[in-house]
Amino acid sequence: MELTLALAPCSQKCVQAEFSLGASPRPRYGFRYVRNGKGKVVGYEVNEPEMVTVRRIIGMLADGRSLYAVQTTLEAEGVKAPQGGDRWHRPTVKDIVREDSYLPHPPEELAALVSEGLMSEEVFSGLDPGRPYGISYYGRTRSSYVSTRSKRRKVEAVPRGQWVAIPLDLSGSGLEREQVERARASIADNRATARVGDRFWELSRGFLFCAECGRAMAADARRERGRG
């Protein structure tokens, strides 16, 4: 299964998007590069060994498992993380579920991207309406040096109207839209635990009272050095 994006004829933005496919050191998790006879990257195709893990993550969350449960299960089984390490981080798991590259899009959603100006008519007309497509967005952020004298870079969000929607053929991936949507709904209200550090927190008035004197009580949470 090969996906040729054929982006070059449409616009300068699409040419940049096609070039970006092979610009990163590795393809998106669950996919591998498709190259033409000259070795040029022309698209993505499903990488089944990694896509199995993507399906497991989505399936576990869709069944009501927690991010922590997914993390510990993958680590206990020795499944390599996207960067090749042994540790899975919960933000990584969450990002996989929220990534539109793994969400099959119906034709009407793809047509809406054309109307929005994020996908060209040429690219859309070349898609097979009988196949499921995920969407990888190019140009969501831009980075620049903080100053001419600094090597530090800052990353800024780019307005949605400047993104480019790149369709990814999900044929053979085994991904189902309903399951992805259930997995997303299960973590929709998930929030990272606040880091208290050495800050002082006062409870709302009338929330907790001392049993001896009846006065309102306050909390003082601190993190000890070396112990966390």
Protein backbone atom coordinates (compact mmCIF):
# COMPACT_ATOMS: atom_id res chain seq x y z
CA MET A 1 0.00 0.00 0.00
CA GLU A 2 1.60 3.25 -1.16
CA LEU A 3 0.37 6.78 -0.66
CA THR A 4 1.65 9.31 -3.17
CA LEU A 5 0.56 12.78 -2.11
CA ALA A 6 1.11 14.54 -5.47
CA LEU A 7 1.29 17.88 -3.75
CA ALA A 8 3.81 19.62 -5.98
CA PRO A 9 1.41 21.03 -8.65
CA CYS A 10 -1.01 22.73 -6.26
CA SER A 11 0.71 25.52 -4.36
CA GLN A 12 3.88 26.64 -2.64
CA LYS A 13 2.43 25.59 0.74
CA CYS A 14 1.83 22.09 -0.59
CA VAL A 15 5.36 21.87 -1.96
CA GLN A 16 6.66 22.73 1.52
CA ALA A 17 4.38 20.08 3.04
CA GLU A 18 5.66 17.41 0.65
CA PHE A 19 9.25 18.30 1.51
CA SER A 20 8.48 18.15 5.23
CA LEU A 21 7.54 14.47 5.04
CA GLY A 22 11.15 13.49 4.79
CA ALA A 23 12.59 16.38 6.78
CA SER A 24 12.24 14.76 10.20
CA PRO A 25 14.67 12.02 11.27
CA ARG A 26 11.86 9.50 11.58
CA PRO A 27 8.25 9.24 10.32
CA ARG A 28 5.22 9.57 12.56
CA TYR A 29 4.80 6.63 14.94
CA GLY A 30 2.83 3.84 13.27
CA PHE A 31 3.98 4.75 9.77
CA ARG A 32 7.08 4.43 7.61
CA TYR A 33 8.29 6.42 4.64
CA VAL A 34 7.39 5.50 1.06
CA ARG A 35 10.17 6.39 -1.38
CA ASN A 36 10.23 6.52 -5.16
CA GLY A 37 12.91 5.01 -7.38
CA LYS A 38 15.23 7.94 -6.69
CA GLY A 39 14.93 7.57 -2.92
CA LYS A 40 12.75 10.65 -2.48
CA VAL A 41 10.06 10.51 0.20
CA VAL A 42 6.64 10.64 -1.46
CA GLY A 43 4.36 9.58 1.38
CA TYR A 44 3.62 7.35 4.35
CA GLU A 45 2.45 3.77 4.63
CA VAL A 46 1.30 1.80 7.67
CA ASN A 47 4.09 0.27 9.77
CA GLU A 48 2.20 -2.68 11.26
CA PRO A 49 4.52 -3.48 14.23
CA GLU A 50 4.08 0.08 15.53
CA MET A 51 0.44 0.37 14.46
CA VAL A 52 -0.35 -2.63 16.68
CA THR A 53 0.71 -0.54 19.67
CA VAL A 54 -1.35 2.43 18.46
CA ARG A 55 -4.43 0.19 18.25
CA ARG A 56 -3.74 -1.22 21.73
CA ILE A 57 -3.46 2.26 23.25
CA ILE A 58 -6.68 3.43 21.62
CA GLY A 59 -8.48 0.20 22.48
CA MET A 60 -7.46 0.25 26.15
CA LEU A 61 -8.57 3.85 26.62
CA ALA A 62 -11.81 3.22 24.71
CA ASP A 63 -12.52 0.38 27.17
CA GLY A 64 -12.14 2.73 30.11
CA ARG A 65 -8.53 2.06 31.14
CA SER A 66 -6.53 4.99 32.53
CA LEU A 67 -3.47 6.65 31.01
CA TYR A 68 -1.45 5.28 33.90
CA ALA A 69 -2.69 1.75 33.20
CA VAL A 70 -1.71 2.04 29.55
CA GLN A 71 1.72 3.41 30.49
CA THR A 72 2.52 0.68 33.01
CA THR A 73 1.22 -2.10 30.74
CA LEU A 74 3.41 -1.07 27.82
CA GLU A 75 6.46 -0.68 30.05
CA ALA A 76 5.89 -4.06 31.75
CA GLU A 77 5.70 -5.75 28.35
CA GLY A 78 8.88 -4.06 27.13
CA VAL A 79 7.20 -2.17 24.27
CA LYS A 80 9.53 0.51 22.95
CA ALA A 81 8.31 4.12 23.10
CA PRO A 82 8.16 6.22 19.89
CA GLN A 83 11.66 7.61 20.52
CA GLY A 84 13.05 4.13 21.16
CA GLY A 85 13.28 4.27 24.96
CA ASP A 86 11.84 1.91 27.55
CA ARG A 87 9.73 4.53 29.35
CA TRP A 88 6.28 5.62 28.16
CA HIS A 89 5.09 9.03 29.31
CA ARG A 90 1.42 9.74 29.75
CA PRO A 91 1.54 12.89 27.57
CA THR A 92 2.88 10.67 24.75
CA VAL A 93 -0.05 8.28 25.12
CA LYS A 94 -2.48 11.20 25.22
CA ASP A 95 -0.96 12.79 22.12
CA ILE A 96 -1.35 9.56 20.15
CA VAL A 97 -5.07 9.41 20.92
CA ARG A 98 -5.59 13.07 20.03
CA GLU A 99 -3.55 12.95 16.82
CA ASP A 100 -5.74 13.24 13.71
CA SER A 101 -3.30 11.05 11.76
CA TYR A 102 -4.95 8.04 13.47
CA LEU A 103 -8.56 9.25 13.07
CA PRO A 104 -10.30 7.99 9.89
CA HIS A 105 -11.98 10.98 8.22
CA PRO A 106 -15.13 10.57 6.07
CA PRO A 107 -15.19 12.26 2.63
CA GLU A 108 -17.33 15.14 3.88
CA GLU A 109 -14.71 16.09 6.47
CA LEU A 110 -11.99 16.01 3.82
CA ALA A 111 -14.14 18.21 1.58
CA ALA A 112 -14.58 20.63 4.49
CA LEU A 113 -10.78 20.95 4.71
CA VAL A 114 -10.77 21.97 1.05
CA SER A 115 -13.45 24.61 1.73
CA GLU A 116 -11.39 25.83 4.68
CA GLY A 117 -8.36 26.24 2.43
CA LEU A 118 -6.23 23.68 4.26
CA MET A 119 -6.22 21.12 1.42
CA SER A 120 -6.02 21.76 -2.32
CA GLU A 121 -8.62 20.58 -4.83
CA GLU A 122 -5.88 18.66 -6.67
CA VAL A 123 -4.99 16.62 -3.59
CA PHE A 124 -8.63 16.00 -2.67
CA SER A 125 -9.60 14.88 -6.18
CA GLY A 126 -6.76 12.34 -6.16
CA LEU A 127 -8.05 10.55 -3.04
CA ASP A 128 -9.96 7.28 -3.22
CA PRO A 129 -13.40 7.88 -1.60
CA GLY A 130 -13.52 4.20 -0.61
CA ARG A 131 -10.41 4.43 1.59
CA PRO A 132 -10.04 5.84 5.12
CA TYR A 133 -7.66 8.77 5.51
CA GLY A 134 -6.07 10.34 8.55
CA ILE A 135 -4.83 13.93 8.46
CA SER A 136 -1.36 15.13 9.34
CA TYR A 137 -1.19 18.91 9.69
CA TYR A 138 1.94 20.67 8.50
CA GLY A 139 2.89 24.11 9.79
CA ARG A 140 1.05 24.17 13.12
CA THR A 141 4.05 25.80 14.81
CA ARG A 142 7.06 27.82 13.75
CA SER A 143 10.36 28.26 15.55
CA SER A 144 12.84 31.09 15.46
CA TYR A 145 15.91 32.23 17.36
CA VAL A 146 15.23 34.39 20.39
CA SER A 147 17.80 36.91 19.14
CA THR A 148 20.66 37.18 16.66
CA ARG A 149 23.11 36.52 19.51
CA SER A 150 21.34 33.55 21.05
CA LYS A 151 21.16 29.90 20.10
CA ARG A 152 17.89 29.51 21.99
CA ARG A 153 14.78 29.07 19.90
CA LYS A 154 11.18 29.95 20.65
CA VAL A 155 8.18 28.04 19.31
CA GLU A 156 5.02 29.90 18.37
CA ALA A 157 1.60 28.61 17.38
CA VAL A 158 0.53 29.32 13.80
CA PRO A 159 -3.10 30.30 13.01
CA ARG A 160 -5.12 27.36 11.69
CA GLY A 161 -5.72 29.12 8.37
CA GLN A 162 -2.01 28.73 7.55
CA TRP A 163 -1.84 24.98 8.17
CA VAL A 164 -1.64 22.39 5.37
CA ALA A 165 -3.71 19.19 5.72
CA ILE A 166 -1.84 16.14 4.41
CA PRO A 167 -4.00 12.99 3.92
CA LEU A 168 -2.55 9.69 5.13
CA ASP A 169 -3.98 6.43 3.78
CA LEU A 170 -5.10 4.31 6.76
CA SER A 171 -6.06 1.26 4.70
CA GLY A 172 -4.98 -1.85 6.58
CA SER A 173 -4.32 0.06 9.81
CA GLY A 174 -7.28 -1.52 11.63
CA LEU A 175 -8.19 1.86 13.14
CA GLU A 176 -11.90 2.56 13.65
CA ARG A 177 -13.29 6.05 14.02
CA GLU A 178 -15.85 5.09 16.68
CA GLN A 179 -13.17 3.53 18.86
CA VAL A 180 -10.85 6.54 18.48
CA GLU A 181 -13.71 8.86 19.46
CA ARG A 182 -14.47 6.76 22.58
CA ALA A 183 -10.81 6.84 23.56
CA ARG A 184 -10.73 10.63 23.16
CA ALA A 185 -13.89 11.02 25.20
CA SER A 186 -12.39 8.93 28.02
CA ILE A 187 -9.50 11.39 28.49
CA ALA A 188 -11.33 14.59 27.53
CA ASP A 189 -11.40 15.82 31.14
CA ASN A 190 -7.96 14.51 32.05
CA ARG A 191 -5.72 17.16 33.62
CA ALA A 192 -2.16 16.96 34.85
CA THR A 193 -1.74 17.10 38.62
CA ALA A 194 -0.64 20.55 39.79
CA ARG A 195 2.93 20.85 41.04
CA VAL A 196 2.71 22.37 44.51
CA GLY A 197 6.40 22.98 45.10
CA ASP A 198 6.90 25.44 47.98
CA ARG A 199 3.74 27.43 47.34
CA PHE A 200 1.26 28.13 50.12
CA TRP A 201 -2.39 27.19 49.52
CA GLU A 202 -5.25 28.48 51.65
CA LEU A 203 -8.50 26.54 51.65
CA SER A 204 -11.76 28.31 50.89
CA ARG A 205 -13.54 29.78 53.91
CA GLY A 206 -15.97 27.38 55.53
CA PHE A 207 -14.46 24.30 53.90
CA LEU A 208 -12.67 22.73 56.88
CA PHE A 209 -12.79 23.60 60.59
CA CYS A 210 -10.73 22.60 63.61
CA ALA A 211 -12.63 20.24 65.93
CA GLU A 212 -11.05 21.86 69.03
CA CYS A 213 -11.34 25.60 68.49
CA GLY A 214 -13.75 25.82 65.56
CA ARG A 215 -11.50 28.08 63.48
CA ALA A 216 -11.13 27.65 59.71
CA MET A 217 -8.06 25.62 58.79
CA ALA A 218 -5.50 26.16 56.02
CA ALA A 219 -3.20 23.75 54.16
CA ASP A 220 0.55 24.19 53.90
CA ALA A 221 2.01 21.70 51.40
CA ARG A 222 5.75 21.58 50.82
CA ARG A 223 8.15 19.44 48.86
CA GLU A 224 11.23 18.30 50.76
CA ARG A 225 14.56 18.54 48.99
CA GLY A 226 15.88 15.15 47.93
CA ARG A 227 12.67 13.35 48.82
CA GLY A 228 10.06 14.92 46.55
